[in-house]
Amino acid sequence: MRLFNIKNFYIYFGHRLHRRLYSSKNAPSPEYLTKLRECYRLEEDNNIVVPVFKKALLYGNNIAIRDHAGEYSYFQLYSNSKRLSRQIANLCGSSGSSSTVAFFYSNDVLSTLTLWACWMCGQVAMPLRLDFSCSGLVNLLKLSKTRLLVAPEKYGNLSRKLAYQLDVPTLCLDHMFIKKHSLPFNYSREIFMNANLVILEGTLTNDFYTTFDALLLNTLGKANKLKTAVLSHKNLSVQIKSAASAWQVSAEDRIFQIFTSDHINGYINATLFPLEAGATVQMHEPFDANNCWSTILGINTPQKDRVNILITEPKVYNILITEYEKIFLKNSRMVEFIKNYCLRNFRVMISSFSPLPQHIASRWFEITGHNIIESLYITESGITLRYNPQHDQANTQKQNQVTLAFNNTLSDIKVRIVDNTNRIMYDSQDLKVHTRCLLDSPTIVGSLLVGGPGVFRNYLNSEKPSNEKESYFNTGDIVCYEDGLFKLLGRCKSESFNTLTTMNDIEEFYSRLNLHPSINFDKLENRGVVYAIKPNQRMSLKSLKLFYAIILKEYYRAIVFHLNTNK
């Protein structure tokens, strides 16, 4: 009896299907794309993960990414990622080995190319922070058992130095690696498809992406201890689809994402969810506020290519405000033009990855007429909560006053608030719980826990939860729930949130830290406030404490100041 050969099956029936659906050899008919889209939907309905790089074939010649070097279609991104995946597989030993591939990211097309290539050949990608010391990077690469280093050419020397110490191969990329294609993408050669299953030439089976890990993200936990969160393809898929749904992104959108070079997590999450929907992502590196305003205002850009969604972090909004006041503020015609242009051309403006101070939100509203939609990003679960002031129509004035508050969870995210005895005070899946608690008090305060399929698997080299479906991750954030709003109050210093330095308006606290003319506020850590004296300034700890005892009356008792002498 002749054994069944699945490859011959797909070659035979797949080619017959192609002949029926194709209007030309190299170009898919609308019916073919509809069929492909339907197959992906059926796979996802059956809890099969469809990685974002597979969705690229739905959007073909549409522009996926624009960066400082040029623009790249979905076909280019897909086919060049596949070329790179073959090299990665050869250096890592085999496809599907789930080896760790570390890469120095840059806010351009090369990082997306590296991510997709790692996933195509079944490896686990780990982006590296450039602000880690060389010894810190060596320890991290040893801990993660890294098999390969990938880096843009500009980080080639550092990559080769690390690779030599660890005795692992290194692979350097530049934009010349990305080939330009003169011929249309050959669907009939790349895709085998039957009624409800899609197999792409050169990639792994659907079962692999439903089961295995995709990404290692490094994050600082309590006491600034480095932790590495392990995210599966399923975790990422849920996070990406949830974000795309929250912002209602479609193939018609052009997203302008601006992140400083130290924001790896922001880059990955702000780039992948638009590509899931077929949108165009405009990347910006190196950062220049003047060029950012040119992009925002569509200067020298055709109408069809002008951005209509802005996503960045609070400190970038603050820099853009400073640049605006330096260049445009004295020109009343430009002030009016900018506000009208932004209202007419932008659909949404988003802030994420760190708290949005009140003064930044208010000033940006004055400049552009847009209420910034703020979201709470957590490394272990992606974007978890969001606040859209336009959804609160009860009080127009209140819209510009509420910051660090969130009025809904993202889809597939479950939220709990627990007290210091782990008693559940609020549960987004059980209305009876918080209804009962609200009868005792109109305000619920406690520790924020998140759950759902988008929450990470575990930390590297630690045990997995005994019951993943029922496990919740303690974010370390203390929240207040009142009138349908979640509001951040601060962070836990230890396992019990009774040791919290509670701040009623944390954004106000942040803004006051910068009031002293001789210091630069650095960061707020679990052990206190770290600050740095500005160049050519003298400051004693005693005089600093006296200043903040006046400025931060309601917070001062619980604050400890540390001088950062490295700045």
Protein backbone atom coordinates (compact mmCIF):
# COMPACT_ATOMS: atom_id res chain seq x y z
CA MET A 1 0.00 0.00 0.00
CA ARG A 2 1.37 3.42 -0.93
CA LEU A 3 1.97 5.69 2.09
CA PHE A 4 0.10 9.00 2.23
CA ASN A 5 2.42 11.90 1.45
CA ILE A 6 1.04 15.22 2.77
CA LYS A 7 3.47 17.24 0.68
CA ASN A 8 2.30 15.61 -2.56
CA PHE A 9 -1.30 16.09 -1.40
CA TYR A 10 -0.88 19.85 -1.03
CA ILE A 11 1.14 20.17 -4.21
CA TYR A 12 -1.57 18.38 -6.22
CA PHE A 13 -4.71 19.83 -4.69
CA GLY A 14 -3.11 23.18 -3.89
CA HIS A 15 -2.09 23.70 -7.50
CA ARG A 16 -5.56 22.74 -8.74
CA LEU A 17 -7.05 25.32 -6.38
CA HIS A 18 -4.59 27.94 -7.63
CA ARG A 19 -5.53 27.28 -11.25
CA ARG A 20 -9.19 27.87 -10.41
CA LEU A 21 -8.64 31.06 -8.41
CA TYR A 22 -5.83 32.82 -10.24
CA SER A 23 -6.52 35.45 -12.85
CA SER A 24 -2.79 35.51 -13.75
CA LYS A 25 0.25 33.48 -12.84
CA ASN A 26 1.80 35.80 -10.28
CA ALA A 27 -1.09 37.93 -9.06
CA PRO A 28 -3.87 36.72 -6.75
CA SER A 29 -7.47 37.34 -7.64
CA PRO A 30 -9.76 38.97 -5.05
CA GLU A 31 -11.42 35.57 -4.66
CA TYR A 32 -8.08 34.02 -3.77
CA LEU A 33 -7.36 36.61 -1.07
CA THR A 34 -10.89 36.14 0.30
CA LYS A 35 -10.25 32.41 0.48
CA LEU A 36 -6.90 32.92 2.21
CA ARG A 37 -8.42 35.33 4.71
CA GLU A 38 -11.23 32.88 5.44
CA CYS A 39 -8.74 30.05 6.03
CA TYR A 40 -6.86 32.18 8.53
CA ARG A 41 -10.13 33.00 10.30
CA LEU A 42 -11.06 29.30 10.52
CA GLU A 43 -7.63 28.49 11.96
CA GLU A 44 -7.99 31.15 14.63
CA ASP A 45 -11.54 29.98 15.43
CA ASN A 46 -10.00 26.55 16.10
CA ASN A 47 -7.45 28.12 18.50
CA ILE A 48 -4.62 27.81 15.98
CA VAL A 49 -2.14 30.68 16.14
CA VAL A 50 -1.60 32.54 12.86
CA PRO A 51 1.66 34.52 13.26
CA VAL A 52 1.72 38.11 12.06
CA PHE A 53 4.20 37.33 9.26
CA LYS A 54 1.65 34.99 7.65
CA LYS A 55 -0.92 37.80 7.51
CA ALA A 56 1.57 39.79 5.39
CA LEU A 57 0.53 37.77 2.34
CA LEU A 58 -2.92 39.35 2.51
CA TYR A 59 -1.53 42.83 1.84
CA GLY A 60 1.04 42.18 -0.88
CA ASN A 61 2.37 45.37 -2.44
CA ASN A 62 0.96 47.64 0.27
CA ILE A 63 3.67 49.54 2.13
CA ALA A 64 4.34 47.90 5.50
CA ILE A 65 7.17 50.03 6.92
CA ARG A 66 8.79 53.37 6.16
CA ASP A 67 12.03 54.25 7.90
CA HIS A 68 14.98 56.57 7.37
CA ALA A 69 16.31 54.40 4.51
CA GLY A 70 13.15 53.92 2.46
CA GLU A 71 9.85 52.08 2.27
CA TYR A 72 9.16 48.34 2.18
CA SER A 73 6.13 46.39 1.03
CA TYR A 74 4.62 43.44 2.87
CA PHE A 75 6.00 41.15 0.15
CA GLN A 76 9.49 42.55 0.62
CA LEU A 77 9.26 42.17 4.37
CA TYR A 78 8.00 38.59 4.08
CA SER A 79 10.38 37.31 1.40
CA ASN A 80 13.50 38.92 2.89
CA SER A 81 12.58 37.64 6.36
CA LYS A 82 12.42 34.17 4.84
CA ARG A 83 15.87 34.62 3.28
CA LEU A 84 17.24 35.66 6.66
CA SER A 85 15.46 32.79 8.42
CA ARG A 86 17.43 30.27 6.34
CA GLN A 87 20.71 31.80 7.51
CA ILE A 88 19.53 31.84 11.12
CA ALA A 89 18.41 28.20 10.92
CA ASN A 90 21.81 27.18 9.50
CA LEU A 91 23.67 28.96 12.32
CA CYS A 92 21.35 27.71 15.08
CA GLY A 93 21.47 24.10 13.97
CA SER A 94 17.95 23.46 12.70
CA SER A 95 14.52 24.95 12.19
CA GLY A 96 12.14 24.61 15.11
CA SER A 97 14.92 24.21 17.69
CA SER A 98 13.61 27.13 19.81
CA SER A 99 17.16 28.42 20.27
CA THR A 100 17.58 31.92 21.67
CA VAL A 101 18.58 34.49 19.05
CA ALA A 102 19.57 37.81 20.64
CA PHE A 103 19.51 40.96 18.55
CA PHE A 104 20.41 44.61 19.00
CA TYR A 105 17.29 46.34 17.85
CA SER A 106 16.97 49.64 16.05
CA ASN A 107 13.78 51.53 15.35
CA ASP A 108 13.73 50.60 11.67
CA VAL A 109 12.80 47.78 9.33
CA LEU A 110 15.77 45.59 10.34
CA SER A 111 14.33 44.75 13.76
CA THR A 112 11.03 43.60 12.27
CA LEU A 113 12.96 41.62 9.66
CA THR A 114 14.93 39.89 12.44
CA LEU A 115 11.85 39.13 14.52
CA TRP A 116 9.95 37.59 11.61
CA ALA A 117 13.01 35.60 10.48
CA CYS A 118 13.48 34.12 13.96
CA TRP A 119 9.83 33.09 14.11
CA MET A 120 9.75 31.67 10.59
CA CYS A 121 12.50 29.18 11.46
CA GLY A 122 11.19 28.44 14.94
CA GLN A 123 13.69 30.32 17.14
CA VAL A 124 13.04 32.54 20.18
CA ALA A 125 13.96 36.22 19.72
CA MET A 126 15.43 38.34 22.52
CA PRO A 127 15.94 42.10 21.95
CA LEU A 128 18.86 43.60 23.89
CA ARG A 129 18.95 46.92 25.69
CA LEU A 130 21.83 49.13 24.64
CA ASP A 131 22.08 50.70 28.10
CA PHE A 132 23.21 47.40 29.67
CA SER A 133 26.90 47.15 30.47
CA CYS A 134 29.04 44.71 28.50
CA SER A 135 29.33 42.42 31.53
CA GLY A 136 25.57 42.63 32.07
CA LEU A 137 24.94 41.62 28.47
CA VAL A 138 27.35 38.69 28.77
CA ASN A 139 25.54 37.42 31.88
CA LEU A 140 22.16 37.81 30.19
CA LEU A 141 23.28 35.99 27.05
CA LYS A 142 24.69 33.14 29.16
CA LEU A 143 21.51 32.91 31.24
CA SER A 144 19.32 32.72 28.12
CA LYS A 145 21.69 30.22 26.41
CA THR A 146 21.93 32.44 23.35
CA ARG A 147 22.98 30.56 20.18
CA LEU A 148 23.26 33.52 17.80
CA LEU A 149 23.71 37.31 17.87
CA VAL A 150 22.11 39.48 15.17
CA ALA A 151 22.89 43.19 14.95
CA PRO A 152 22.60 46.16 12.61
CA GLU A 153 25.99 47.02 11.14
CA LYS A 154 26.29 50.08 13.41
CA TYR A 155 26.41 47.74 16.43
CA GLY A 156 28.65 45.23 14.67
CA ASN A 157 31.75 45.83 16.81
CA LEU A 158 29.88 45.32 20.08
CA SER A 159 28.11 42.28 18.68
CA ARG A 160 31.37 40.68 17.53
CA LYS A 161 33.00 41.41 20.89
CA LEU A 162 30.18 39.67 22.77
CA ALA A 163 30.10 36.80 20.29
CA TYR A 164 33.84 36.25 20.79
CA GLN A 165 33.48 36.11 24.59
CA LEU A 166 30.57 33.68 24.38
CA ASP A 167 31.88 31.67 21.43
CA VAL A 168 28.66 32.07 19.42
CA PRO A 169 28.25 33.19 15.79
CA THR A 170 27.19 36.73 14.95
CA LEU A 171 25.26 38.05 11.96
CA CYS A 172 25.41 41.72 10.94
CA LEU A 173 22.70 43.31 8.79
CA ASP A 174 22.20 46.54 6.94
CA HIS A 175 19.51 47.87 4.62
CA MET A 176 21.39 46.52 1.61
CA PHE A 177 20.29 43.04 2.68
CA ILE A 178 16.72 43.83 1.67
CA LYS A 179 16.29 43.01 -1.99
CA LYS A 180 14.04 45.03 -4.23
CA HIS A 181 11.64 42.87 -6.23
CA SER A 182 10.90 43.59 -9.88
CA LEU A 183 8.43 40.70 -10.27
CA PRO A 184 5.16 40.21 -8.40
CA PHE A 185 5.09 37.71 -5.54
CA ASN A 186 4.48 34.14 -6.73
CA TYR A 187 1.55 32.91 -4.66
CA SER A 188 1.26 29.58 -6.43
CA ARG A 189 4.81 28.65 -5.40
CA GLU A 190 4.65 29.96 -1.82
CA ILE A 191 1.23 28.87 -0.50
CA PHE A 192 -0.51 25.51 -0.27
CA MET A 193 -4.11 25.79 0.84
CA ASN A 194 -7.12 23.52 1.16
CA ALA A 195 -10.58 24.13 2.62
CA ASN A 196 -9.44 25.30 6.07
CA LEU A 197 -5.66 24.97 6.33
CA VAL A 198 -2.81 27.10 5.00
CA ILE A 199 0.79 25.92 4.67
CA LEU A 200 3.48 28.41 3.67
CA GLU A 201 6.58 27.17 1.94
CA GLY A 202 9.64 27.37 4.22
CA THR A 203 7.78 27.93 7.52
CA LEU A 204 6.81 25.58 10.33
CA THR A 205 3.52 23.84 11.02
CA ASN A 206 0.57 25.51 12.73
CA ASP A 207 1.02 23.30 15.81
CA PHE A 208 4.45 24.81 16.43
CA TYR A 209 3.16 28.38 16.65
CA THR A 210 0.26 27.29 18.86
CA THR A 211 2.60 25.63 21.37
CA PHE A 212 6.09 27.14 21.47
CA ASP A 213 7.77 30.31 22.75
CA ALA A 214 8.37 33.40 20.61
CA LEU A 215 9.98 36.18 22.61
CA LEU A 216 12.11 36.96 25.67
CA LEU A 217 11.60 40.46 27.09
CA ASN A 218 13.85 41.81 29.81
CA THR A 219 12.25 43.89 32.53
CA LEU A 220 13.23 45.34 35.90
CA GLY A 221 11.29 43.88 38.81
CA LYS A 222 11.29 44.82 42.48
CA ALA A 223 14.60 46.11 43.85
CA ASN A 224 15.65 46.66 40.19
CA LYS A 225 16.29 42.95 39.76
CA LEU A 226 16.41 41.98 36.09
CA LYS A 227 13.78 39.47 35.02
CA THR A 228 13.22 37.92 31.61
CA ALA A 229 9.58 37.32 30.69
CA VAL A 230 8.91 34.42 28.32
CA LEU A 231 6.08 35.05 25.85
CA SER A 232 4.68 32.35 23.60
CA HIS A 233 3.39 32.87 20.07
CA LYS A 234 -0.09 32.53 21.54
CA ASN A 235 0.56 35.25 24.14
CA LEU A 236 1.84 37.60 21.43
CA SER A 237 -1.01 36.82 19.06
CA VAL A 238 -3.59 37.72 21.71
CA GLN A 239 -1.75 40.93 22.65
CA ILE A 240 -1.41 42.01 19.02
CA LYS A 241 -5.04 41.35 18.09
CA SER A 242 -6.26 42.98 21.29
CA ALA A 243 -4.31 46.19 20.59
CA ALA A 244 -5.38 46.28 16.92
CA SER A 245 -8.99 45.93 18.04
CA ALA A 246 -8.68 48.57 20.77
CA TRP A 247 -7.40 51.21 18.34
CA GLN A 248 -9.62 49.90 15.49
CA VAL A 249 -6.64 49.77 13.12
CA SER A 250 -7.22 48.84 9.48
CA ALA A 251 -5.18 48.62 6.28
CA GLU A 252 -6.15 52.24 5.55
CA ASP A 253 -4.25 53.60 8.56
CA ARG A 254 -0.74 55.09 8.59
CA ILE A 255 0.76 54.91 12.07
CA PHE A 256 3.54 57.24 13.13
CA GLN A 257 5.35 55.60 16.03
CA ILE A 258 8.11 57.48 17.84
CA PHE A 259 10.08 55.73 20.55
CA THR A 260 13.42 56.57 22.04
CA SER A 261 16.12 53.97 21.56
CA ASP A 262 15.79 52.54 25.08
CA HIS A 263 12.18 51.46 24.60
CA ILE A 264 12.41 47.93 23.23
CA ASN A 265 9.01 46.79 24.49
CA GLY A 266 7.31 49.87 23.12
CA TYR A 267 8.86 49.37 19.72
CA ILE A 268 7.80 45.74 19.44
CA ASN A 269 4.22 46.27 20.56
CA ALA A 270 3.70 49.52 18.63
CA THR A 271 4.99 47.93 15.42
CA LEU A 272 3.43 44.49 15.37
CA PHE A 273 -0.24 45.30 15.91
CA PRO A 274 -0.48 47.67 12.87
CA LEU A 275 1.18 45.01 10.69
CA GLU A 276 -1.45 42.52 11.84
CA ALA A 277 -4.09 44.75 10.23
CA GLY A 278 -2.17 45.63 7.05
CA ALA A 279 -1.49 49.24 8.07
CA THR A 280 1.63 51.25 7.27
CA VAL A 281 4.09 51.99 10.08
CA GLN A 282 6.21 55.12 9.83
CA MET A 283 9.31 54.72 12.03
CA HIS A 284 11.47 57.54 13.25
CA GLU A 285 15.15 57.12 14.07
CA PRO A 286 17.32 58.95 14.85
CA PHE A 287 14.98 61.15 16.86
CA ASP A 288 14.62 64.75 15.76
CA ALA A 289 11.68 66.84 17.00
CA ASN A 290 11.68 69.14 13.98
CA ASN A 291 11.48 66.22 11.55
CA CYS A 292 8.74 64.68 13.69
CA TRP A 293 6.60 67.80 13.27
CA SER A 294 7.21 67.70 9.51
CA THR A 295 5.86 64.14 9.43
CA ILE A 296 2.92 64.97 11.69
CA LEU A 297 1.95 67.89 9.44
CA GLY A 298 2.47 65.91 6.22
CA ILE A 299 5.02 68.35 4.80
CA ASN A 300 6.23 67.23 1.34
CA THR A 301 4.16 64.05 1.71
CA PRO A 302 1.40 62.94 -0.70
CA GLN A 303 -2.07 62.93 0.82
CA LYS A 304 -2.38 59.12 0.65
CA ASP A 305 0.84 58.67 2.65
CA ARG A 306 0.15 61.14 5.47
CA VAL A 307 -0.01 59.65 8.95
CA ASN A 308 -3.34 59.57 10.78
CA ILE A 309 -2.42 57.80 14.05
CA LEU A 310 0.32 58.91 16.44
CA ILE A 311 1.63 56.60 19.15
CA THR A 312 4.50 57.52 21.42
CA GLU A 313 5.48 57.99 25.05
CA PRO A 314 4.98 61.00 27.37
CA LYS A 315 8.54 62.30 27.22
CA VAL A 316 8.33 62.46 23.42
CA TYR A 317 5.06 64.42 23.63
CA ASN A 318 6.84 66.80 26.01
CA ILE A 319 9.76 67.28 23.58
CA LEU A 320 7.32 67.90 20.72
CA ILE A 321 5.53 70.54 22.81
CA THR A 322 8.85 72.28 23.52
CA GLU A 323 9.73 72.26 19.81
CA TYR A 324 6.27 73.60 18.91
CA GLU A 325 6.63 76.51 21.32
CA LYS A 326 10.07 77.33 19.97
CA ILE A 327 9.10 77.27 16.29
CA PHE A 328 5.36 77.88 15.88
CA LEU A 329 3.95 79.61 18.96
CA LYS A 330 4.64 83.19 17.84
CA ASN A 331 2.96 82.62 14.47
CA SER A 332 -0.81 82.77 15.06
CA ARG A 333 -1.58 81.50 11.55
CA MET A 334 0.60 78.39 12.10
CA VAL A 335 -0.98 77.81 15.52
CA GLU A 336 -4.44 77.79 13.94
CA PHE A 337 -3.28 75.71 10.96
CA ILE A 338 -1.69 73.01 13.14
CA LYS A 339 -4.76 72.61 15.31
CA ASN A 340 -7.11 72.43 12.32
CA TYR A 341 -4.80 70.05 10.45
CA CYS A 342 -4.54 67.64 13.40
CA LEU A 343 -8.30 67.67 14.00
CA ARG A 344 -8.96 67.03 10.32
CA ASN A 345 -6.28 64.43 9.58
CA PHE A 346 -5.62 62.46 12.78
CA ARG A 347 -7.96 59.76 13.95
CA VAL A 348 -6.33 59.06 17.30
CA MET A 349 -3.25 60.00 19.33
CA ILE A 350 -2.01 57.47 21.88
CA SER A 351 0.36 57.55 24.85
CA SER A 352 1.75 54.44 26.45
CA PHE A 353 4.56 52.76 28.40
CA SER A 354 4.86 55.38 31.18
CA PRO A 355 2.53 57.73 33.12
CA LEU A 356 1.18 60.75 31.22
CA PRO A 357 1.51 63.93 33.32
CA GLN A 358 -1.50 66.23 33.49
CA HIS A 359 0.30 69.29 32.13
CA ILE A 360 1.44 67.41 29.01
CA ALA A 361 -2.08 66.09 28.30
CA SER A 362 -3.62 69.54 28.74
CA ARG A 363 -1.05 71.37 26.63
CA TRP A 364 -1.26 68.81 23.82
CA PHE A 365 -5.04 69.25 23.77
CA GLU A 366 -4.57 73.01 23.38
CA ILE A 367 -2.12 72.52 20.50
CA THR A 368 -3.86 69.79 18.48
CA GLY A 369 -7.42 69.58 19.79
CA HIS A 370 -6.82 65.88 20.55
CA ASN A 371 -7.33 64.24 23.90
CA ILE A 372 -4.48 61.76 24.16
CA ILE A 373 -5.77 58.24 24.71
CA GLU A 374 -3.61 56.76 27.44
CA SER A 375 -2.91 53.07 27.88
CA LEU A 376 -1.29 51.05 30.63
CA TYR A 377 1.48 48.86 29.21
CA ILE A 378 2.90 45.96 31.22
CA THR A 379 5.78 43.89 29.85
CA GLU A 380 4.20 40.64 30.99
CA SER A 381 0.76 41.28 29.48
CA GLY A 382 1.14 43.99 26.85
CA ILE A 383 -1.41 46.83 26.80
CA THR A 384 -3.85 46.05 29.60
CA LEU A 385 -6.01 49.11 30.35
CA ARG A 386 -6.83 52.24 28.43
CA TYR A 387 -8.58 55.54 29.01
CA ASN A 388 -10.36 57.33 26.21
CA PRO A 389 -11.59 60.75 27.39
CA GLN A 390 -13.92 60.96 24.38
CA HIS A 391 -15.93 58.08 25.83
CA ASP A 392 -16.72 60.14 28.93
CA GLN A 393 -19.38 62.57 27.79
CA ALA A 394 -20.75 63.35 31.24
CA ASN A 395 -18.48 66.31 31.91
CA THR A 396 -16.47 67.98 29.12
CA GLN A 397 -14.27 69.83 31.59
CA LYS A 398 -13.52 66.60 33.41
CA GLN A 399 -12.13 65.07 30.21
CA ASN A 400 -9.07 67.31 30.43
CA GLN A 401 -8.51 66.66 34.14
CA VAL A 402 -8.53 62.87 34.44
CA THR A 403 -5.11 61.36 33.77
CA LEU A 404 -3.60 58.08 34.82
CA ALA A 405 -7.15 56.75 34.85
CA PHE A 406 -8.53 54.00 32.65
CA ASN A 407 -12.15 53.32 31.86
CA ASN A 408 -11.94 49.87 30.28
CA THR A 409 -9.83 46.77 29.87
CA LEU A 410 -8.67 45.51 26.50
CA SER A 411 -10.32 42.43 25.05
CA ASP A 412 -9.10 39.06 26.37
CA ILE A 413 -7.72 40.78 29.49
CA LYS A 414 -9.10 39.86 32.90
CA VAL A 415 -8.50 42.23 35.80
CA ARG A 416 -8.69 41.76 39.54
CA ILE A 417 -8.05 44.05 42.49
CA VAL A 418 -7.05 42.31 45.73
CA ASP A 419 -6.35 43.61 49.22
CA ASN A 420 -3.27 42.82 51.33
CA THR A 421 -4.78 39.47 52.34
CA ASN A 422 -5.37 38.56 48.66
CA ARG A 423 -9.13 38.89 49.10
CA ILE A 424 -10.70 39.73 45.73
CA MET A 425 -12.23 43.22 45.84
CA TYR A 426 -12.92 43.58 42.12
CA ASP A 427 -13.17 41.02 39.32
CA SER A 428 -13.91 42.08 35.74
CA GLN A 429 -15.38 38.60 35.11
CA ASP A 430 -17.62 38.56 38.19
CA LEU A 431 -19.80 41.65 38.67
CA LYS A 432 -21.17 40.32 41.96
CA VAL A 433 -17.77 40.63 43.63
CA HIS A 434 -17.20 44.36 43.19
CA THR A 435 -20.91 45.14 43.51
CA ARG A 436 -20.77 43.63 46.99
CA CYS A 437 -17.55 45.51 47.86
CA LEU A 438 -18.89 48.83 46.57
CA LEU A 439 -21.84 48.53 48.97
CA ASP A 440 -19.36 48.83 51.85
CA SER A 441 -17.34 51.66 50.26
CA PRO A 442 -17.70 53.60 46.98
CA THR A 443 -13.94 53.24 46.46
CA ILE A 444 -11.93 50.03 46.07
CA VAL A 445 -8.16 50.25 46.61
CA GLY A 446 -5.80 47.34 46.14
CA SER A 447 -3.17 45.57 44.09
CA LEU A 448 -3.79 45.15 40.34
CA LEU A 449 -3.73 41.60 38.96
CA VAL A 450 -4.13 40.70 35.28
CA GLY A 451 -4.98 37.40 33.66
CA GLY A 452 -6.00 35.95 30.31
CA PRO A 453 -4.33 34.25 27.34
CA GLY A 454 -2.16 37.29 26.58
CA VAL A 455 -0.33 37.14 29.92
CA PHE A 456 3.21 35.76 29.68
CA ARG A 457 4.06 32.11 30.38
CA ASN A 458 6.69 32.57 33.10
CA TYR A 459 10.05 34.13 33.82
CA LEU A 460 13.14 32.56 32.29
CA ASN A 461 14.51 29.65 34.35
CA SER A 462 11.54 29.69 36.71
CA GLU A 463 8.70 27.23 37.09
CA LYS A 464 5.50 27.70 35.14
CA PRO A 465 2.26 28.36 37.04
CA SER A 466 0.53 25.15 38.14
CA ASN A 467 -2.68 26.21 36.39
CA GLU A 468 -2.06 28.71 33.58
CA LYS A 469 -5.74 29.21 32.79
CA GLU A 470 -6.55 30.41 36.30
CA SER A 471 -3.29 32.17 37.14
CA TYR A 472 -3.15 35.94 37.55
CA PHE A 473 -0.05 38.11 37.40
CA ASN A 474 0.52 40.67 40.16
CA THR A 475 1.63 43.83 38.34
CA GLY A 476 2.92 45.56 41.48
CA ASP A 477 0.67 48.56 40.75
CA ILE A 478 -1.76 49.86 43.33
CA VAL A 479 -5.02 51.11 41.86
CA CYS A 480 -8.17 52.78 43.01
CA TYR A 481 -11.47 51.76 41.38
CA GLU A 482 -14.21 54.36 41.61
CA ASP A 483 -17.07 55.45 39.34
CA GLY A 484 -16.00 52.95 36.68
CA LEU A 485 -12.42 54.25 36.53
CA PHE A 486 -9.16 52.53 37.42
CA LYS A 487 -6.66 55.08 38.72
CA LEU A 488 -2.98 54.39 39.44
CA LEU A 489 -1.88 55.39 42.93
CA GLY A 490 1.68 54.08 43.06
CA ARG A 491 3.69 50.87 43.24
CA CYS A 492 4.31 48.27 45.92
CA LYS A 493 7.71 48.17 47.58
CA SER A 494 7.22 44.63 48.84
CA GLU A 495 4.79 41.75 48.67
CA SER A 496 2.37 43.62 50.97
CA PHE A 497 1.03 46.85 49.53
CA ASN A 498 0.77 48.32 53.03
CA THR A 499 4.37 49.52 52.51
CA LEU A 500 3.31 51.61 49.52
CA THR A 501 4.16 55.28 49.17
CA THR A 502 0.64 56.23 48.10
CA MET A 503 0.31 59.26 45.82
CA ASN A 504 -3.15 60.60 45.16
CA ASP A 505 -2.08 62.23 41.91
CA ILE A 506 1.11 60.58 40.75
CA GLU A 507 1.35 62.75 37.62
CA GLU A 508 1.36 65.83 39.84
CA PHE A 509 4.08 64.22 41.93
CA TYR A 510 6.21 63.63 38.85
CA SER A 511 5.83 67.20 37.66
CA ARG A 512 6.79 68.66 41.06
CA LEU A 513 10.02 66.65 41.14
CA ASN A 514 11.30 68.75 38.26
CA LEU A 515 10.60 72.13 39.84
CA HIS A 516 14.02 72.58 41.46
CA PRO A 517 16.22 74.59 39.05
CA SER A 518 19.43 72.73 39.92
CA ILE A 519 18.46 69.10 39.45
CA ASN A 520 17.27 66.73 36.79
CA PHE A 521 14.70 64.22 37.99
CA ASP A 522 15.97 60.81 36.98
CA LYS A 523 13.51 58.14 38.04
CA LEU A 524 11.25 56.92 40.79
CA GLU A 525 12.33 53.56 42.12
CA ASN A 526 11.13 51.26 44.88
CA ARG A 527 13.85 52.54 47.21
CA GLY A 528 13.11 56.20 46.61
CA VAL A 529 13.75 59.07 44.22
CA VAL A 530 16.98 59.00 42.22
CA TYR A 531 18.02 62.42 41.03
CA ALA A 532 21.04 64.00 39.35
CA ILE A 533 22.46 67.48 39.80
CA LYS A 534 22.67 69.50 36.61
CA PRO A 535 26.15 70.26 35.22
CA ASN A 536 28.03 73.08 37.01
CA GLN A 537 25.55 73.12 39.90
CA ARG A 538 26.18 72.49 43.60
CA MET A 539 23.57 70.94 45.84
CA SER A 540 23.58 69.43 49.32
CA LEU A 541 21.20 66.68 50.35
CA LYS A 542 20.07 68.80 53.31
CA SER A 543 19.03 71.77 51.16
CA LEU A 544 17.31 69.44 48.69
CA LYS A 545 15.26 67.82 51.45
CA LEU A 546 14.25 71.24 52.75
CA PHE A 547 13.06 72.29 49.29
CA TYR A 548 10.97 69.15 48.78
CA ALA A 549 9.56 69.28 52.30
CA ILE A 550 7.79 72.44 51.13
CA ILE A 551 7.00 71.43 47.55
CA LEU A 552 5.89 67.87 48.34
CA LYS A 553 4.16 68.35 51.69
CA GLU A 554 1.68 65.51 51.31
CA TYR A 555 4.24 63.02 49.99
CA TYR A 556 7.43 64.01 51.73
CA ARG A 557 7.41 61.73 54.78
CA ALA A 558 7.64 58.55 52.74
CA ILE A 559 10.28 59.77 50.28
CA VAL A 560 13.96 58.91 50.39
CA PHE A 561 16.34 60.75 48.06
CA HIS A 562 19.45 59.25 46.47
CA LEU A 563 22.11 61.15 44.59
CA ASN A 564 22.96 59.63 41.23
CA THR A 565 26.63 60.50 40.74
CA ASN A 566 26.82 58.74 37.38
CA LYS A 567 24.87 61.41 35.53
